[in-house]
């Protein structure tokens, strides 16, 4: 066979392979979007049915407002999911996924499952695990190099600031996925995102103690989002002698060292309201509700958070593990609300729309803190309507912690 024939054959083979890859990517994207839409329909149906029953059994302005909130958020989720699915039917571009089959290190995954030493940093190990899980989620026909994320631990999902504005806690969709597919339990305590960390830490103590008394054989893993991570750190320092059932804490996009970019703008905006402080209406409402969210402002300020972390990290229970991870996104890569937030904040530092990335990881002096790095993403990826594969993020945590021998 002549050289020209060989070159032509290779060229044709490469084109055929490229076409097959594009078709596979198209089908994967279409199927994932369809699955996402079906999930949105099922969850909103059960959510609204539950909320209707609550309103019917307890007709009150508060329950009616919650029903209206759920109707709005559910409608937006289904509309968004439908648009995504329609777009997937006409979009023939591949996923923006840098996963490369030729560079898959099968020895890495064998060593990972065997818990052998791997000459990489924790951040590098976690990133490889995350990329593998994420790719498998987007491409169901792909045979993953990882086993199913099995664990007997119960996840305690601690929500963050502004959680009251949404129908469900951040990352609950991921926890529901784990429960439905792998029988991994989860529990979500209620905390007020506008209260200070000390008050919420006491609330966490009361609720977790109650849960432990009802489930004495379960071990708990705190997975805390945003300000929930700060509330959890305060809880673990204030009540370190009452944590026999807790094995560790994983923070996600938590402003561990404060979030001044957000706080300065937030304070400036809220202080406009303070101009009406002499009015009777202001005084009446502020007596019942903290209009300026003064306690939350203090909890998020770096002038409070940095000294607090340095002075209290040694009080954290040494028998627990601690991991932290953050996000970073450009303004044009974000959720609509995050785009507006980035325009509002205009921080010079890398951030996820709310939290500066440098503040979302444990500081160098907290040697027991495991830093899992910074991933691409904005602060609202934990919402149930987010197209971000939050299931992959939590599953990657499980695989990493099992490799480290911290989860069983």
Protein backbone atom coordinates (compact mmCIF):
# COMPACT_ATOMS: atom_id res chain seq x y z
CA UNK A 1 0.00 0.00 0.00
CA UNK A 2 1.36 3.39 -0.97
CA UNK A 3 2.15 6.08 1.56
CA UNK A 4 -0.60 8.28 0.13
CA UNK A 5 -3.12 5.47 0.71
CA UNK A 6 -1.98 5.07 4.32
CA UNK A 7 -2.29 8.79 4.92
CA UNK A 8 -5.73 8.83 3.31
CA UNK A 9 -6.90 5.86 5.42
CA UNK A 10 -5.67 7.48 8.62
CA UNK A 11 -7.39 10.71 7.66
CA UNK A 12 -10.68 8.92 7.00
CA UNK A 13 -10.38 6.94 10.25
CA UNK A 14 -9.75 10.11 12.24
CA UNK A 15 -12.78 11.80 10.67
CA UNK A 16 -15.00 8.78 11.34
CA UNK A 17 -13.77 8.63 14.94
CA UNK A 18 -14.33 12.36 15.37
CA UNK A 19 -17.87 12.01 13.99
CA UNK A 20 -18.62 9.11 16.35
CA UNK A 21 -17.31 11.11 19.30
CA UNK A 22 -19.51 14.05 18.34
CA UNK A 23 -22.56 11.79 18.05
CA UNK A 24 -21.80 10.21 21.43
CA UNK A 25 -21.33 13.64 23.01
CA UNK A 26 -24.59 14.86 21.45
CA UNK A 27 -26.53 11.84 22.74
CA UNK A 28 -24.95 12.15 26.18
CA UNK A 29 -25.81 15.84 26.40
CA UNK A 30 -29.36 15.23 25.16
CA UNK A 31 -29.95 12.34 27.57
CA UNK A 32 -28.50 14.26 30.52
CA UNK A 33 -30.71 17.27 29.76
CA UNK A 34 -33.76 15.02 29.44
CA UNK A 35 -32.96 13.29 32.72
CA UNK A 36 -32.49 16.70 34.36
CA UNK A 37 -35.89 17.84 33.08
CA UNK A 38 -37.63 14.66 34.28
CA UNK A 39 -36.01 15.06 37.69
CA UNK A 40 -37.23 18.67 37.85
CA UNK A 41 -40.78 17.56 37.06
CA UNK A 42 -40.83 14.81 39.68
CA UNK A 43 -39.25 16.86 42.46
CA UNK A 44 -41.41 19.93 41.87
CA UNK A 45 -44.53 17.78 41.77
CA UNK A 46 -43.79 16.17 45.14
CA UNK A 47 -42.57 19.48 46.60
CA UNK A 48 -45.70 21.40 45.59
CA UNK A 49 -48.00 18.59 46.72
CA UNK A 50 -46.36 18.62 50.14
CA UNK A 51 -46.60 22.42 50.34
CA UNK A 52 -50.30 22.39 49.29
CA UNK A 53 -51.06 19.90 52.07
CA UNK A 54 -49.28 22.09 54.61
CA UNK A 55 -51.29 25.13 53.54
CA UNK A 56 -54.52 23.14 53.59
CA UNK A 57 -53.85 21.84 57.11
CA UNK A 58 -52.43 25.09 58.45
CA UNK A 59 -53.71 28.10 56.56
CA UNK A 60 -51.50 31.03 57.53
CA UNK A 61 -49.80 33.97 55.77
CA UNK A 62 -46.40 32.37 56.31
CA UNK A 63 -47.37 29.06 54.69
CA UNK A 64 -49.11 30.91 51.85
CA UNK A 65 -45.95 32.92 51.16
CA UNK A 66 -43.88 29.73 51.14
CA UNK A 67 -46.32 28.18 48.68
CA UNK A 68 -46.00 31.21 46.40
CA UNK A 69 -42.21 31.01 46.67
CA UNK A 70 -42.26 27.34 45.73
CA UNK A 71 -44.58 27.99 42.80
CA UNK A 72 -42.25 30.68 41.45
CA UNK A 73 -39.02 28.72 41.95
CA UNK A 74 -40.51 25.49 40.62
CA UNK A 75 -41.87 27.21 37.52
CA UNK A 76 -38.49 28.79 36.90
CA UNK A 77 -36.73 25.43 37.35
CA UNK A 78 -38.99 23.58 34.91
CA UNK A 79 -38.81 26.42 32.37
CA UNK A 80 -35.04 26.53 32.64
CA UNK A 81 -34.77 22.73 32.35
CA UNK A 82 -37.09 22.66 29.33
CA UNK A 83 -35.04 25.35 27.59
CA UNK A 84 -31.88 23.35 28.33
CA UNK A 85 -33.40 20.21 26.84
CA UNK A 86 -34.62 21.98 23.68
CA UNK A 87 -31.19 23.54 23.25
CA UNK A 88 -29.52 20.14 23.62
CA UNK A 89 -31.58 18.80 20.69
CA UNK A 90 -30.13 21.40 18.33
CA UNK A 91 -26.65 21.79 19.79
CA UNK A 92 -24.10 19.57 18.05
CA UNK A 93 -21.07 20.95 19.85
CA UNK A 94 -19.20 18.71 22.25
CA UNK A 95 -19.17 19.15 25.99
CA UNK A 96 -16.65 21.64 27.23
CA UNK A 97 -14.99 18.81 29.12
CA UNK A 98 -11.22 18.54 29.06
CA UNK A 99 -11.31 14.84 29.91
CA UNK A 100 -8.77 13.01 27.72
CA UNK A 101 -9.06 9.22 27.37
CA UNK A 102 -5.43 8.95 26.25
CA UNK A 103 -4.22 10.51 29.48
CA UNK A 104 -6.26 8.37 31.87
CA UNK A 105 -3.83 6.91 34.38
CA UNK A 106 -5.33 3.54 35.25
CA UNK A 107 -2.60 2.92 37.81
CA UNK A 108 -3.79 6.01 39.67
CA UNK A 109 -7.30 4.58 40.07
CA UNK A 110 -5.96 1.15 41.07
CA UNK A 111 -3.76 2.77 43.72
CA UNK A 112 -6.68 4.93 44.82
CA UNK A 113 -8.98 1.96 45.36
CA UNK A 114 -6.20 0.00 47.07
CA UNK A 115 -5.38 3.08 49.19
CA UNK A 116 -1.74 3.00 48.15
CA UNK A 117 0.43 6.14 48.37
CA UNK A 118 0.01 8.50 45.40
CA UNK A 119 2.72 11.06 44.69
CA UNK A 120 0.32 13.94 44.15
CA UNK A 121 -1.05 16.73 46.31
CA UNK A 122 -4.50 16.44 47.87
CA UNK A 123 -5.77 19.07 45.43
CA UNK A 124 -4.47 17.12 42.42
CA UNK A 125 -5.89 13.82 43.68
CA UNK A 126 -9.30 15.37 44.31
CA UNK A 127 -9.37 17.11 40.91
CA UNK A 128 -8.69 13.83 39.07
CA UNK A 129 -11.42 12.07 41.06
CA UNK A 130 -13.86 14.90 40.42
CA UNK A 131 -13.16 14.96 36.66
CA UNK A 132 -13.69 11.19 36.46
CA UNK A 133 -17.00 11.29 38.35
CA UNK A 134 -18.24 14.34 36.44
CA UNK A 135 -17.46 12.77 33.06
CA UNK A 136 -19.26 9.57 34.05
CA UNK A 137 -22.33 11.59 35.07
CA UNK A 138 -22.47 13.39 31.73
CA UNK A 139 -21.76 10.20 29.75
CA UNK A 140 -23.80 7.29 31.20
CA UNK A 141 -22.33 4.79 28.71
CA UNK A 142 -18.82 5.50 29.98
CA UNK A 143 -17.50 2.80 32.33
CA UNK A 144 -15.99 4.66 35.26
CA UNK A 145 -12.70 3.66 36.84
CA UNK A 146 -14.27 4.25 40.25
CA UNK A 147 -16.60 2.04 42.26
CA UNK A 148 -19.97 3.21 43.55
CA UNK A 149 -19.65 5.78 46.38
CA UNK A 150 -20.77 3.56 49.24
CA UNK A 151 -20.65 4.72 52.87
CA UNK A 152 -22.54 4.05 56.09
CA UNK A 153 -22.09 7.64 57.23
CA UNK A 154 -25.06 10.01 57.52
CA UNK A 155 -24.53 13.39 55.84
CA UNK A 156 -25.58 16.42 57.89
CA UNK A 157 -26.23 19.10 55.27
CA UNK A 158 -25.80 22.56 56.84
CA UNK A 159 -27.26 25.37 54.66
CA UNK A 160 -25.84 28.87 54.30
CA UNK A 161 -26.84 32.52 54.14
CA UNK A 162 -30.01 33.53 52.22
CA UNK A 163 -31.12 29.89 52.21
CA UNK A 164 -34.55 31.08 53.36
CA UNK A 165 -35.10 32.58 49.90
CA UNK A 166 -35.02 29.18 48.21
CA UNK A 167 -37.25 26.12 48.34
CA UNK A 168 -34.56 23.63 49.36
CA UNK A 169 -31.10 23.78 50.97
CA UNK A 170 -28.09 23.98 48.66
CA UNK A 171 -26.78 20.58 47.53
CA UNK A 172 -29.90 18.76 48.74
CA UNK A 173 -30.44 17.56 45.16
CA UNK A 174 -27.06 15.82 45.36
CA UNK A 175 -27.95 14.26 48.71
CA UNK A 176 -31.29 13.04 47.38
CA UNK A 177 -29.39 11.44 44.49
CA UNK A 178 -27.07 9.66 46.94
CA UNK A 179 -29.98 8.46 49.04
CA UNK A 180 -31.99 7.21 46.07
CA UNK A 181 -29.12 5.48 44.24
CA UNK A 182 -26.74 4.39 47.00
CA UNK A 183 -28.90 4.42 50.14
CA UNK A 184 -26.72 7.08 51.78
CA UNK A 185 -28.66 8.86 54.52
CA UNK A 186 -28.74 12.60 54.98
CA UNK A 187 -30.27 15.03 57.43
CA UNK A 188 -30.73 18.81 57.15
CA UNK A 189 -30.91 20.88 60.35
CA UNK A 190 -32.56 24.31 60.19
CA UNK A 191 -30.37 27.37 60.73
CA UNK A 192 -31.13 31.04 60.16
CA UNK A 193 -28.76 32.48 57.57
CA UNK A 194 -29.23 35.98 59.03
CA UNK A 195 -28.30 35.03 62.61
CA UNK A 196 -24.80 35.14 64.04
CA UNK A 197 -22.60 32.05 64.18
CA UNK A 198 -22.82 31.71 67.96
CA UNK A 199 -26.62 31.54 67.90
CA UNK A 200 -26.63 29.10 64.99
CA UNK A 201 -23.99 26.93 66.65
CA UNK A 202 -26.31 26.49 69.64
CA UNK A 203 -29.16 25.69 67.27
CA UNK A 204 -26.98 23.08 65.56
CA UNK A 205 -26.06 21.60 68.91
CA UNK A 206 -29.70 21.23 69.95
CA UNK A 207 -30.82 19.72 66.64
CA UNK A 208 -27.85 17.38 66.19
CA UNK A 209 -28.10 16.21 69.81
CA UNK A 210 -31.77 15.43 69.24
CA UNK A 211 -30.95 13.55 66.03
CA UNK A 212 -28.20 11.54 67.74
CA UNK A 213 -30.53 10.57 70.59
CA UNK A 214 -32.98 9.22 68.00
CA UNK A 215 -30.26 7.55 65.88
CA UNK A 216 -27.56 6.54 68.37
CA UNK A 217 -25.80 4.11 66.02
CA UNK A 218 -25.22 6.57 63.18
CA UNK A 219 -21.99 8.45 62.50
CA UNK A 220 -22.34 11.97 61.11
CA UNK A 221 -20.39 13.86 58.45
CA UNK A 222 -21.05 17.61 58.37
CA UNK A 223 -21.22 18.99 54.81
CA UNK A 224 -21.60 22.74 55.14
CA UNK A 225 -22.21 25.29 52.41
CA UNK A 226 -21.28 28.99 52.53
CA UNK A 227 -22.01 30.53 55.96
CA UNK A 228 -23.09 27.07 57.11
CA UNK A 229 -19.38 26.26 57.24
CA UNK A 230 -18.80 29.12 59.68
CA UNK A 231 -21.76 28.05 61.83
CA UNK A 232 -20.37 24.51 61.86
CA UNK A 233 -16.86 25.65 62.86
CA UNK A 234 -18.34 27.61 65.77
CA UNK A 235 -20.41 24.59 66.77
CA UNK A 236 -17.35 22.32 66.70
CA UNK A 237 -15.28 24.71 68.85
CA UNK A 238 -18.02 25.57 71.35
CA UNK A 239 -19.17 21.99 71.97
CA UNK A 240 -16.09 19.90 71.19
CA UNK A 241 -16.81 17.46 74.04
CA UNK A 242 -20.22 16.50 72.62
CA UNK A 243 -19.15 15.20 69.23
CA UNK A 244 -18.60 11.47 69.60
CA UNK A 245 -20.98 10.80 66.71
CA UNK A 246 -19.31 13.27 64.32
CA UNK A 247 -16.41 12.17 62.15
CA UNK A 248 -15.61 15.34 60.22
CA UNK A 249 -16.52 18.58 58.48
CA UNK A 250 -16.35 19.47 54.78
CA UNK A 251 -16.91 23.13 53.89
CA UNK A 252 -18.04 24.19 50.41
CA UNK A 253 -17.53 27.81 49.32
CA UNK A 254 -17.44 28.98 52.93
CA UNK A 255 -15.86 32.39 53.70
CA UNK A 256 -13.57 30.86 56.33
CA UNK A 257 -11.42 33.99 56.45
CA UNK A 258 -14.26 36.41 55.73
CA UNK A 259 -15.81 37.94 52.64
CA UNK A 260 -15.15 41.66 52.69
CA UNK A 261 -15.95 42.27 49.02
CA UNK A 262 -19.51 41.11 49.59
CA UNK A 263 -19.76 42.59 53.06
CA UNK A 264 -18.76 46.16 52.14
CA UNK A 265 -21.36 46.44 49.39
CA UNK A 266 -23.96 44.66 51.48
CA UNK A 267 -23.40 47.02 54.40
CA UNK A 268 -23.46 50.07 52.13
CA UNK A 269 -26.81 48.99 50.67
CA UNK A 270 -28.38 48.09 54.00
CA UNK A 271 -27.21 51.31 55.57
CA UNK A 272 -29.42 53.19 53.11
CA UNK A 273 -32.32 51.66 55.00
CA UNK A 274 -30.83 53.01 58.21
CA UNK A 275 -31.68 56.54 57.02
CA UNK A 276 -35.24 55.74 58.07
CA UNK A 277 -34.23 54.61 61.56
CA UNK A 278 -36.19 57.44 63.20
CA UNK A 279 -39.46 56.25 61.74
CA UNK A 280 -41.84 54.26 63.92
CA UNK A 281 -42.22 51.60 61.23
CA UNK A 282 -38.46 50.99 61.16
CA UNK A 283 -38.25 50.77 64.95
CA UNK A 284 -41.24 48.44 65.10
CA UNK A 285 -39.80 46.04 62.50
CA UNK A 286 -36.21 46.25 63.72
CA UNK A 287 -37.38 45.34 67.19
CA UNK A 288 -38.52 42.00 65.83
CA UNK A 289 -36.21 41.56 62.85
CA UNK A 290 -32.59 42.61 62.46
CA UNK A 291 -33.11 44.81 59.38
CA UNK A 292 -29.42 45.55 58.91
CA UNK A 293 -28.45 41.92 59.51
CA UNK A 294 -25.83 43.26 61.92
CA UNK A 295 -24.99 39.85 63.34
CA UNK A 296 -24.56 38.31 59.91
CA UNK A 297 -22.33 41.20 58.82
CA UNK A 298 -20.05 40.59 61.78
CA UNK A 299 -19.93 36.85 61.10
CA UNK A 300 -18.80 37.43 57.50
CA UNK A 301 -16.32 40.25 58.11
CA UNK A 302 -12.63 39.35 57.70
CA UNK A 303 -11.79 41.61 60.65
CA UNK A 304 -13.75 39.13 62.75
CA UNK A 305 -13.13 35.89 60.88
CA UNK A 306 -9.34 35.98 60.52
CA UNK A 307 -8.58 36.54 64.23
CA UNK A 308 -11.32 34.09 65.19
CA UNK A 309 -9.84 31.31 63.06
CA UNK A 310 -6.31 31.91 64.32
CA UNK A 311 -7.44 32.00 67.96
CA UNK A 312 -9.83 29.04 67.79
CA UNK A 313 -8.45 26.48 65.32
CA UNK A 314 -6.68 24.62 68.13
CA UNK A 315 -10.02 24.18 69.91
CA UNK A 316 -11.39 22.10 67.03
CA UNK A 317 -11.78 18.42 67.87
CA UNK A 318 -8.51 16.68 66.86
CA UNK A 319 -10.35 13.41 66.22
CA UNK A 320 -12.30 14.89 63.30
CA UNK A 321 -11.20 15.54 59.73
CA UNK A 322 -11.61 18.95 58.07
CA UNK A 323 -11.72 19.68 54.33
CA UNK A 324 -12.39 22.88 52.40
CA UNK A 325 -13.08 23.65 48.76
CA UNK A 326 -13.93 26.85 46.89
CA UNK A 327 -15.10 28.07 43.49
CA UNK A 328 -14.08 30.69 40.99
CA UNK A 329 -15.90 32.00 37.93
CA UNK A 330 -15.74 34.83 35.44
CA UNK A 331 -18.80 37.08 35.37
CA UNK A 332 -19.92 35.69 31.98
CA UNK A 333 -19.67 32.09 33.22
CA UNK A 334 -22.05 32.61 36.10
CA UNK A 335 -25.72 32.21 36.90
CA UNK A 336 -27.75 35.35 36.06
CA UNK A 337 -27.97 36.32 39.73
CA UNK A 338 -24.22 35.80 40.09
CA UNK A 339 -23.58 38.02 37.06
CA UNK A 340 -25.55 40.77 38.77
CA UNK A 341 -23.75 40.08 42.03
CA UNK A 342 -20.34 40.36 40.34
CA UNK A 343 -21.40 43.69 38.81
CA UNK A 344 -22.58 44.77 42.26
CA UNK A 345 -19.43 43.67 44.12
CA UNK A 346 -16.71 44.22 41.49
CA UNK A 347 -13.99 42.57 43.54
CA UNK A 348 -10.44 42.64 42.23
CA UNK A 349 -9.86 39.19 43.71
CA UNK A 350 -10.95 35.89 42.17
CA UNK A 351 -14.35 34.96 43.56
CA UNK A 352 -17.44 32.86 42.97
CA UNK A 353 -19.78 35.85 42.95
CA UNK A 354 -19.96 36.12 46.74
CA UNK A 355 -16.86 34.60 48.38
CA UNK A 356 -13.25 35.42 47.51
CA UNK A 357 -11.47 32.19 46.59
CA UNK A 358 -8.51 32.88 48.87
CA UNK A 359 -10.89 33.01 51.84
CA UNK A 360 -12.66 29.73 51.09
CA UNK A 361 -9.74 27.43 51.99
CA UNK A 362 -8.30 26.66 55.41
CA UNK A 363 -5.28 28.83 56.30
CA UNK A 364 -1.74 27.45 56.32
CA UNK A 365 -1.47 27.38 60.12
CA UNK A 366 -4.43 24.99 60.44
CA UNK A 367 -2.36 21.93 59.57
CA UNK A 368 -5.20 19.45 60.05
CA UNK A 369 -7.27 21.26 57.43
CA UNK A 370 -7.21 19.52 54.04
CA UNK A 371 -7.43 21.93 51.11
CA UNK A 372 -9.15 20.39 48.08
CA UNK A 373 -8.51 23.39 45.84
CA UNK A 374 -10.59 25.72 43.71
CA UNK A 375 -13.01 24.43 41.06
CA UNK A 376 -14.74 26.31 38.26
CA UNK A 377 -18.18 27.36 39.43
CA UNK A 378 -20.27 30.15 40.96
CA UNK A 379 -21.82 30.46 44.40
CA UNK A 380 -25.27 29.19 43.35
CA UNK A 381 -24.23 25.85 41.85
CA UNK A 382 -25.74 24.12 44.87
CA UNK A 383 -29.28 25.22 43.97
CA UNK A 384 -31.50 22.37 42.84
CA UNK A 385 -32.16 24.16 39.51
CA UNK A 386 -28.44 24.45 38.75
CA UNK A 387 -27.23 22.49 35.71
CA UNK A 388 -23.91 22.07 37.48
CA UNK A 389 -23.24 18.43 38.36
CA UNK A 390 -23.36 18.88 42.12
CA UNK A 391 -23.81 15.12 42.51
CA UNK A 392 -20.27 14.66 41.19
CA UNK A 393 -18.89 17.10 43.76
CA UNK A 394 -20.30 15.23 46.77
CA UNK A 395 -19.43 11.82 45.30
CA UNK A 396 -15.86 12.99 44.69
CA UNK A 397 -15.64 13.96 48.36
CA UNK A 398 -16.71 10.45 49.35
CA UNK A 399 -14.11 8.78 47.10
CA UNK A 400 -11.35 11.09 48.33
CA UNK A 401 -12.20 10.66 52.02
CA UNK A 402 -12.42 6.88 51.66
CA UNK A 403 -8.98 6.87 50.02
CA UNK A 404 -7.66 8.86 52.98
CA UNK A 405 -9.25 6.39 55.39
CA UNK A 406 -11.43 9.14 56.88
CA UNK A 407 -14.76 7.74 55.68
CA UNK A 408 -16.00 4.17 55.87
